[in-house]
C-alpha atoms as a PDB file:
ATOM      1  CA  UNK A   1       0.000   0.000   0.000  1.00  0.00           C
ATOM      2  CA  UNK A   2       1.345   3.444  -0.916  1.00  0.00           C
ATOM      3  CA  UNK A   3       1.561   6.283   1.593  1.00  0.00           C
ATOM      4  CA  UNK A   4      -1.223   8.074  -0.282  1.00  0.00           C
ATOM      5  CA  UNK A   5      -3.482   5.033   0.062  1.00  0.00           C
ATOM      6  CA  UNK A   6      -2.976   5.097   3.848  1.00  0.00           C
ATOM      7  CA  UNK A   7      -4.496   8.567   4.146  1.00  0.00           C
ATOM      8  CA  UNK A   8      -8.031   8.859   5.523  1.00  0.00           C
ATOM      9  CA  UNK A   9      -9.774  11.274   3.184  1.00  0.00           C
ATOM     10  CA  UNK A  10     -12.275  12.695   5.683  1.00  0.00           C
ATOM     11  CA  UNK A  11      -9.502  13.408   8.215  1.00  0.00           C
ATOM     12  CA  UNK A  12      -7.334  15.559   5.973  1.00  0.00           C
ATOM     13  CA  UNK A  13      -6.691  19.124   7.160  1.00  0.00           C
ATOM     14  CA  UNK A  14      -8.472  21.838   5.237  1.00  0.00           C
ATOM     15  CA  UNK A  15      -5.505  24.201   5.615  1.00  0.00           C
ATOM     16  CA  UNK A  16      -1.794  23.351   5.603  1.00  0.00           C
ATOM     17  CA  UNK A  17       0.922  25.965   6.128  1.00  0.00           C
ATOM     18  CA  UNK A  18       4.566  25.325   5.220  1.00  0.00           C
ATOM     19  CA  UNK A  19       7.819  27.031   6.181  1.00  0.00           C
ATOM     20  CA  UNK A  20       9.957  26.156   3.158  1.00  0.00           C
ATOM     21  CA  UNK A  21      13.386  26.049   4.783  1.00  0.00           C
ATOM     22  CA  UNK A  22      16.766  24.753   3.653  1.00  0.00           C
ATOM     23  CA  UNK A  23      17.268  26.132   0.136  1.00  0.00           C
ATOM     24  CA  UNK A  24      20.555  27.813   1.020  1.00  0.00           C
ATOM     25  CA  UNK A  25      22.008  24.790   2.807  1.00  0.00           C
ATOM     26  CA  UNK A  26      20.925  22.536  -0.069  1.00  0.00           C
ATOM     27  CA  UNK A  27      22.877  24.725  -2.494  1.00  0.00           C
ATOM     28  CA  UNK A  28      25.892  25.047  -0.198  1.00  0.00           C
ATOM     29  CA  UNK A  29      26.175  21.256   0.071  1.00  0.00           C
ATOM     30  CA  UNK A  30      26.543  21.225  -3.709  1.00  0.00           C
ATOM     31  CA  UNK A  31      29.075  24.052  -3.810  1.00  0.00           C
ATOM     32  CA  UNK A  32      26.656  26.530  -5.344  1.00  0.00           C
ATOM     33  CA  UNK A  33      25.288  29.957  -4.473  1.00  0.00           C
ATOM     34  CA  UNK A  34      22.157  30.105  -2.323  1.00  0.00           C
ATOM     35  CA  UNK A  35      19.964  31.176  -5.232  1.00  0.00           C
ATOM     36  CA  UNK A  36      20.700  27.795  -6.850  1.00  0.00           C
ATOM     37  CA  UNK A  37      18.760  26.228  -3.966  1.00  0.00           C
ATOM     38  CA  UNK A  38      15.898  28.661  -4.374  1.00  0.00           C
ATOM     39  CA  UNK A  39      15.624  27.755  -8.068  1.00  0.00           C
ATOM     40  CA  UNK A  40      15.419  24.055  -7.245  1.00  0.00           C
ATOM     41  CA  UNK A  41      12.932  24.799  -4.472  1.00  0.00           C
ATOM     42  CA  UNK A  42      10.413  25.771  -7.166  1.00  0.00           C
ATOM     43  CA  UNK A  43       9.980  22.074  -7.994  1.00  0.00           C
ATOM     44  CA  UNK A  44       9.043  21.368  -4.377  1.00  0.00           C
ATOM     45  CA  UNK A  45       6.523  24.225  -4.457  1.00  0.00           C
ATOM     46  CA  UNK A  46       4.933  22.755  -7.570  1.00  0.00           C
ATOM     47  CA  UNK A  47       4.770  19.248  -6.076  1.00  0.00           C
ATOM     48  CA  UNK A  48       3.319  20.477  -2.763  1.00  0.00           C
ATOM     49  CA  UNK A  49       0.703  22.564  -4.580  1.00  0.00           C
ATOM     50  CA  UNK A  50      -0.327  19.775  -6.947  1.00  0.00           C
ATOM     51  CA  UNK A  51      -0.439  17.251  -4.088  1.00  0.00           C
ATOM     52  CA  UNK A  52      -2.666  19.492  -1.968  1.00  0.00           C
ATOM     53  CA  UNK A  53      -4.951  20.167  -4.940  1.00  0.00           C
ATOM     54  CA  UNK A  54      -5.246  16.481  -5.837  1.00  0.00           C
ATOM     55  CA  UNK A  55      -6.085  15.529  -2.249  1.00  0.00           C
ATOM     56  CA  UNK A  56      -8.804  18.155  -2.005  1.00  0.00           C
ATOM     57  CA  UNK A  57      -7.052  20.274   0.625  1.00  0.00           C
ATOM     58  CA  UNK A  58      -8.687  23.692   0.348  1.00  0.00           C
ATOM     59  CA  UNK A  59      -5.911  26.004   1.562  1.00  0.00           C
ATOM     60  CA  UNK A  60      -2.116  25.902   1.321  1.00  0.00           C
ATOM     61  CA  UNK A  61      -0.032  28.771   2.690  1.00  0.00           C
ATOM     62  CA  UNK A  62       3.681  28.960   1.870  1.00  0.00           C
ATOM     63  CA  UNK A  63       6.161  31.191   3.709  1.00  0.00           C
ATOM     64  CA  UNK A  64       8.044  32.476   0.671  1.00  0.00           C
ATOM     65  CA  UNK A  65       9.786  35.677   1.826  1.00  0.00           C
ATOM     66  CA  UNK A  66       9.765  37.294   5.263  1.00  0.00           C
ATOM     67  CA  UNK A  67      10.195  40.952   6.147  1.00  0.00           C
ATOM     68  CA  UNK A  68      13.486  39.938   7.768  1.00  0.00           C
ATOM     69  CA  UNK A  69      14.697  38.461   4.456  1.00  0.00           C
ATOM     70  CA  UNK A  70      15.147  41.997   3.127  1.00  0.00           C
ATOM     71  CA  UNK A  71      18.277  42.091   5.335  1.00  0.00           C
ATOM     72  CA  UNK A  72      19.980  39.387   3.254  1.00  0.00           C
ATOM     73  CA  UNK A  73      22.726  40.341   0.763  1.00  0.00           C
ATOM     74  CA  UNK A  74      21.338  42.496  -2.053  1.00  0.00           C
ATOM     75  CA  UNK A  75      22.540  40.077  -4.709  1.00  0.00           C
ATOM     76  CA  UNK A  76      20.512  37.261  -3.139  1.00  0.00           C
ATOM     77  CA  UNK A  77      17.404  39.417  -2.687  1.00  0.00           C
ATOM     78  CA  UNK A  78      17.600  40.667  -6.278  1.00  0.00           C
ATOM     79  CA  UNK A  79      18.003  37.104  -7.548  1.00  0.00           C
ATOM     80  CA  UNK A  80      15.030  35.972  -5.461  1.00  0.00           C
ATOM     81  CA  UNK A  81      12.825  38.747  -6.807  1.00  0.00           C
ATOM     82  CA  UNK A  82      13.842  37.898 -10.377  1.00  0.00           C
ATOM     83  CA  UNK A  83      13.134  34.227  -9.707  1.00  0.00           C
ATOM     84  CA  UNK A  84       9.742  35.109  -8.265  1.00  0.00           C
ATOM     85  CA  UNK A  85       8.765  37.010 -11.425  1.00  0.00           C
ATOM     86  CA  UNK A  86       9.842  34.213 -13.759  1.00  0.00           C
ATOM     87  CA  UNK A  87       8.252  31.512 -11.604  1.00  0.00           C
ATOM     88  CA  UNK A  88       4.871  33.236 -11.402  1.00  0.00           C
ATOM     89  CA  UNK A  89       4.867  33.663 -15.182  1.00  0.00           C
ATOM     90  CA  UNK A  90       5.853  30.046 -15.778  1.00  0.00           C
ATOM     91  CA  UNK A  91       3.470  28.512 -13.241  1.00  0.00           C
ATOM     92  CA  UNK A  92       0.269  30.425 -14.028  1.00  0.00           C
ATOM     93  CA  UNK A  93      -0.817  27.835 -16.584  1.00  0.00           C
ATOM     94  CA  UNK A  94      -0.205  25.044 -14.043  1.00  0.00           C
ATOM     95  CA  UNK A  95      -2.359  26.857 -11.486  1.00  0.00           C
ATOM     96  CA  UNK A  96      -5.125  27.180 -14.053  1.00  0.00           C
ATOM     97  CA  UNK A  97      -4.865  23.497 -15.019  1.00  0.00           C
ATOM     98  CA  UNK A  98      -5.179  22.460 -11.376  1.00  0.00           C
ATOM     99  CA  UNK A  99      -8.026  24.924 -10.588  1.00  0.00           C
ATOM    100  CA  UNK A 100      -5.796  26.729  -8.045  1.00  0.00           C
ATOM    101  CA  UNK A 101      -6.556  30.264  -6.889  1.00  0.00           C
ATOM    102  CA  UNK A 102      -3.533  32.429  -6.026  1.00  0.00           C
ATOM    103  CA  UNK A 103      -3.563  34.717  -3.008  1.00  0.00           C
ATOM    104  CA  UNK A 104      -0.872  36.706  -1.170  1.00  0.00           C
ATOM    105  CA  UNK A 105      -0.397  38.081   2.322  1.00  0.00           C
ATOM    106  CA  UNK A 106       2.263  40.514   3.452  1.00  0.00           C
ATOM    107  CA  UNK A 107       3.388  44.062   2.749  1.00  0.00           C
ATOM    108  CA  UNK A 108       3.111  43.732  -1.026  1.00  0.00           C
ATOM    109  CA  UNK A 109       3.963  47.426  -1.476  1.00  0.00           C
ATOM    110  CA  UNK A 110       7.573  46.645  -0.473  1.00  0.00           C
ATOM    111  CA  UNK A 111       7.980  44.240  -3.393  1.00  0.00           C
ATOM    112  CA  UNK A 112       9.463  45.481  -6.689  1.00  0.00           C
ATOM    113  CA  UNK A 113       6.889  46.839  -9.135  1.00  0.00           C
ATOM    114  CA  UNK A 114       7.653  44.005 -11.564  1.00  0.00           C
ATOM    115  CA  UNK A 115       6.814  41.417  -8.895  1.00  0.00           C
ATOM    116  CA  UNK A 116       3.628  43.247  -7.924  1.00  0.00           C
ATOM    117  CA  UNK A 117       2.532  43.364 -11.556  1.00  0.00           C
ATOM    118  CA  UNK A 118       3.084  39.635 -12.133  1.00  0.00           C
ATOM    119  CA  UNK A 119       1.334  38.787  -8.865  1.00  0.00           C
ATOM    120  CA  UNK A 120      -1.665  40.964  -9.668  1.00  0.00           C
ATOM    121  CA  UNK A 121      -1.973  39.458 -13.152  1.00  0.00           C
ATOM    122  CA  UNK A 122      -1.839  35.884 -11.828  1.00  0.00           C
ATOM    123  CA  UNK A 123      -4.224  36.646  -8.958  1.00  0.00           C
ATOM    124  CA  UNK A 124      -6.718  38.145 -11.387  1.00  0.00           C
ATOM    125  CA  UNK A 125      -6.383  35.289 -13.885  1.00  0.00           C
ATOM    126  CA  UNK A 126      -6.933  32.608 -11.210  1.00  0.00           C
ATOM    127  CA  UNK A 127      -9.582  34.496  -9.238  1.00  0.00           C
ATOM    128  CA  UNK A 128     -12.474  32.364 -10.501  1.00  0.00           C
ATOM    129  CA  UNK A 129     -10.786  29.033  -9.726  1.00  0.00           C
ATOM    130  CA  UNK A 130     -12.646  27.041  -7.085  1.00  0.00           C
ATOM    131  CA  UNK A 131     -10.159  24.403  -5.933  1.00  0.00           C
ATOM    132  CA  UNK A 132      -7.145  24.971  -3.725  1.00  0.00           C
ATOM    133  CA  UNK A 133      -6.368  28.507  -2.540  1.00  0.00           C
ATOM    134  CA  UNK A 134      -2.586  28.921  -2.624  1.00  0.00           C
ATOM    135  CA  UNK A 135      -1.416  31.794  -0.432  1.00  0.00           C
ATOM    136  CA  UNK A 136       2.131  33.091  -0.755  1.00  0.00           C
ATOM    137  CA  UNK A 137       3.407  34.944   2.307  1.00  0.00           C
ATOM    138  CA  UNK A 138       5.640  37.598   0.719  1.00  0.00           C
ATOM    139  CA  UNK A 139       7.366  40.391   2.605  1.00  0.00           C
ATOM    140  CA  UNK A 140       5.434  38.962   5.525  1.00  0.00           C
ATOM    141  CA  UNK A 141       5.983  38.610   9.241  1.00  0.00           C
ATOM    142  CA  UNK A 142       3.407  37.785  11.856  1.00  0.00           C
ATOM    143  CA  UNK A 143       4.396  40.686  14.104  1.00  0.00           C
ATOM    144  CA  UNK A 144       3.890  43.054  11.164  1.00  0.00           C
ATOM    145  CA  UNK A 145       0.484  41.468  10.535  1.00  0.00           C
ATOM    146  CA  UNK A 146      -0.591  41.745  14.188  1.00  0.00           C
ATOM    147  CA  UNK A 147       0.548  45.371  14.382  1.00  0.00           C
ATOM    148  CA  UNK A 148      -1.483  46.176  11.247  1.00  0.00           C
ATOM    149  CA  UNK A 149      -4.511  44.395  12.725  1.00  0.00           C
ATOM    150  CA  UNK A 150      -4.223  46.386  15.963  1.00  0.00           C
ATOM    151  CA  UNK A 151      -4.072  49.610  13.950  1.00  0.00           C
ATOM    152  CA  UNK A 152      -7.281  48.651  12.119  1.00  0.00           C
ATOM    153  CA  UNK A 153      -9.051  47.857  15.378  1.00  0.00           C
ATOM    154  CA  UNK A 154      -7.856  51.144  16.903  1.00  0.00           C
ATOM    155  CA  UNK A 155      -9.090  53.045  13.847  1.00  0.00           C
ATOM    156  CA  UNK A 156     -12.542  51.454  14.178  1.00  0.00           C
ATOM    157  CA  UNK A 157     -12.679  52.357  17.871  1.00  0.00           C
ATOM    158  CA  UNK A 158     -11.609  55.929  17.111  1.00  0.00           C
ATOM    159  CA  UNK A 159     -14.293  56.202  14.425  1.00  0.00           C
ATOM    160  CA  UNK A 160     -16.929  54.870  16.854  1.00  0.00           C
ATOM    161  CA  UNK A 161     -17.447  51.791  14.653  1.00  0.00           C
ATOM    162  CA  UNK A 162     -16.376  49.469  17.469  1.00  0.00           C
ATOM    163  CA  UNK A 163     -16.654  49.503  21.245  1.00  0.00           C
ATOM    164  CA  UNK A 164     -13.594  48.482  23.242  1.00  0.00           C
ATOM    165  CA  UNK A 165     -15.774  46.032  25.189  1.00  0.00           C
ATOM    166  CA  UNK A 166     -16.668  44.226  21.956  1.00  0.00           C
ATOM    167  CA  UNK A 167     -13.078  43.434  20.958  1.00  0.00           C
ATOM    168  CA  UNK A 168     -12.609  39.655  20.973  1.00  0.00           C
ATOM    169  CA  UNK A 169     -10.746  36.940  19.100  1.00  0.00           C
ATOM    170  CA  UNK A 170     -13.169  37.065  16.167  1.00  0.00           C
ATOM    171  CA  UNK A 171     -12.693  40.820  15.780  1.00  0.00           C
ATOM    172  CA  UNK A 172      -8.911  40.409  15.735  1.00  0.00           C
ATOM    173  CA  UNK A 173      -9.077  37.510  13.258  1.00  0.00           C
ATOM    174  CA  UNK A 174     -11.229  39.602  10.914  1.00  0.00           C
ATOM    175  CA  UNK A 175      -8.514  42.279  10.849  1.00  0.00           C
ATOM    176  CA  UNK A 176      -5.722  39.823   9.986  1.00  0.00           C
ATOM    177  CA  UNK A 177      -4.326  39.431   6.484  1.00  0.00           C
ATOM    178  CA  UNK A 178      -5.800  35.922   6.510  1.00  0.00           C
ATOM    179  CA  UNK A 179      -9.367  37.087   7.198  1.00  0.00           C
ATOM    180  CA  UNK A 180     -11.805  34.656   5.609  1.00  0.00           C
ATOM    181  CA  UNK A 181      -9.309  31.788   5.620  1.00  0.00           C
ATOM    182  CA  UNK A 182      -9.542  29.113   8.349  1.00  0.00           C
ATOM    183  CA  UNK A 183      -6.558  28.725  10.656  1.00  0.00           C
ATOM    184  CA  UNK A 184      -4.089  26.016   9.588  1.00  0.00           C
ATOM    185  CA  UNK A 185      -4.650  22.638  11.216  1.00  0.00           C
ATOM    186  CA  UNK A 186      -1.127  21.574  10.232  1.00  0.00           C
ATOM    187  CA  UNK A 187       2.131  23.525   9.932  1.00  0.00           C
ATOM    188  CA  UNK A 188       5.114  21.820   8.278  1.00  0.00           C
ATOM    189  CA  UNK A 189       8.700  23.056   8.533  1.00  0.00           C
ATOM    190  CA  UNK A 190      11.507  21.465   6.569  1.00  0.00           C
ATOM    191  CA  UNK A 191      15.306  21.405   7.127  1.00  0.00           C
ATOM    192  CA  UNK A 192      15.367  20.208  10.739  1.00  0.00           C
ATOM    193  CA  UNK A 193      14.855  23.614  12.368  1.00  0.00           C
ATOM    194  CA  UNK A 194      12.289  23.704  15.187  1.00  0.00           C
ATOM    195  CA  UNK A 195      11.095  27.304  15.067  1.00  0.00           C
ATOM    196  CA  UNK A 196       7.990  29.131  13.855  1.00  0.00           C
ATOM    197  CA  UNK A 197      10.083  32.111  12.702  1.00  0.00           C
ATOM    198  CA  UNK A 198       7.466  34.843  12.962  1.00  0.00           C
ATOM    199  CA  UNK A 199       4.982  32.938  10.779  1.00  0.00           C
ATOM    200  CA  UNK A 200       1.222  33.041  11.439  1.00  0.00           C
ATOM    201  CA  UNK A 201       1.691  33.383  15.201  1.00  0.00           C
ATOM    202  CA  UNK A 202      -1.987  34.205  15.775  1.00  0.00           C
ATOM    203  CA  UNK A 203      -3.306  31.559  13.397  1.00  0.00           C
ATOM    204  CA  UNK A 204      -1.082  28.690  14.610  1.00  0.00           C
ATOM    205  CA  UNK A 205      -2.449  28.772  18.167  1.00  0.00           C
ATOM    206  CA  UNK A 206      -3.956  25.267  17.875  1.00  0.00           C
ATOM    207  CA  UNK A 207      -2.135  23.947  14.816  1.00  0.00           C
ATOM    208  CA  UNK A 208      -0.283  20.647  14.835  1.00  0.00           C
ATOM    209  CA  UNK A 209       3.415  21.266  14.168  1.00  0.00           C
ATOM    210  CA  UNK A 210       5.439  18.862  12.026  1.00  0.00           C
ATOM    211  CA  UNK A 211       9.203  19.206  11.636  1.00  0.00           C
ATOM    212  CA  UNK A 212      11.277  17.135   9.229  1.00  0.00           C
ATOM    213  CA  UNK A 213      14.987  17.080   8.366  1.00  0.00           C
ATOM    214  CA  UNK A 214      14.462  17.204   4.593  1.00  0.00           C
ATOM    215  CA  UNK A 215      15.818  20.335   2.924  1.00  0.00           C
ATOM    216  CA  UNK A 216      13.071  22.087   0.969  1.00  0.00           C
ATOM    217  CA  UNK A 217      14.358  21.400  -2.589  1.00  0.00           C
ATOM    218  CA  UNK A 218      14.152  17.662  -1.798  1.00  0.00           C
ATOM    219  CA  UNK A 219      10.585  17.794  -0.411  1.00  0.00           C
ATOM    220  CA  UNK A 220       8.319  15.573  -2.519  1.00  0.00           C
ATOM    221  CA  UNK A 221       4.830  14.047  -2.505  1.00  0.00           C
ATOM    222  CA  UNK A 222       5.709  11.177  -0.179  1.00  0.00           C
ATOM    223  CA  UNK A 223       7.161  13.661   2.316  1.00  0.00           C
ATOM    224  CA  UNK A 224       3.882  15.577   2.224  1.00  0.00           C
ATOM    225  CA  UNK A 225       1.960  12.313   2.703  1.00  0.00           C
ATOM    226  CA  UNK A 226       4.128  11.443   5.736  1.00  0.00           C
ATOM    227  CA  UNK A 227       3.320  14.796   7.328  1.00  0.00           C
ATOM    228  CA  UNK A 228      -0.394  14.256   6.706  1.00  0.00           C
ATOM    229  CA  UNK A 229      -0.259  10.720   8.116  1.00  0.00           C
ATOM    230  CA  UNK A 230       1.485  12.043  11.216  1.00  0.00           C
ATOM    231  CA  UNK A 231      -1.265  14.666  11.534  1.00  0.00           C
ATOM    232  CA  UNK A 232      -3.962  12.010  11.258  1.00  0.00           C
ATOM    233  CA  UNK A 233      -2.351  10.073  14.097  1.00  0.00           C
ATOM    234  CA  UNK A 234      -2.667  12.969  16.527  1.00  0.00           C
ATOM    235  CA  UNK A 235      -5.529  13.797  18.896  1.00  0.00           C
ATOM    236  CA  UNK A 236      -6.694  17.382  18.537  1.00  0.00           C
ATOM    237  CA  UNK A 237      -8.169  18.434  21.893  1.00  0.00           C
ATOM    238  CA  UNK A 238      -8.306  22.262  21.793  1.00  0.00           C
ATOM    239  CA  UNK A 239      -7.845  22.451  25.565  1.00  0.00           C
ATOM    240  CA  UNK A 240     -10.237  19.611  26.342  1.00  0.00           C
ATOM    241  CA  UNK A 241      -9.312  16.188  27.715  1.00  0.00           C
ATOM    242  CA  UNK A 242      -8.941  13.119  25.532  1.00  0.00           C
ATOM    243  CA  UNK A 243     -12.040  11.594  27.113  1.00  0.00           C
ATOM    244  CA  UNK A 244     -14.116  14.649  26.225  1.00  0.00           C
ATOM    245  CA  UNK A 245     -13.025  14.454  22.575  1.00  0.00           C
ATOM    246  CA  UNK A 246     -13.929  10.776  22.310  1.00  0.00           C
ATOM    247  CA  UNK A 247     -17.512  11.311  23.521  1.00  0.00           C
END
């Protein structure tokens, strides 16, 4: 029996988030510049997206570029931005074929105009697709997102659109960049690091975390299946006891 055949269809998560880590180390092991790893990481992105779409997972969020990544060497950042433009152009037809809708979260205004233009074109072209929603977190950090959400709440209070007493978790969630998207049930991080790295801190409150040693360019369908099988073997209690869940 294949790993895919072991999956229980009605116990798949509706939303999976992935920290795609290890591109630089993958390239370094091969004596190449870090961008070489990023280029090969595109294959893993394609496989993860197609796997999620085929399984019927509704949301996949990929941590593609953090606000902190702007501090990397300019040559690497420039190469990444160029790669992002070419990848979006090349993969649009694949997204259409797989009925995938593209979405982004993050401070998009910080991205080069060429990247923004390609993103906007692809988002518009895939906007009517009804399968998987693929969200790219670009120029994103969770602290930035939370700060922006707090500003929106404060503005509503100042404009008398919201009472302080009415602020709750739902109000905050509605002000997040991910408003309208369910919180991830599963977060995967590759490369052996055991950190969340400023990614979806609010949304990951009750997510199952899965860490694997595989460097991102080597991440394939079976690796995704293993993460999903691990998820299906866990008991999600949300603060309750195991006995309460089983009732």
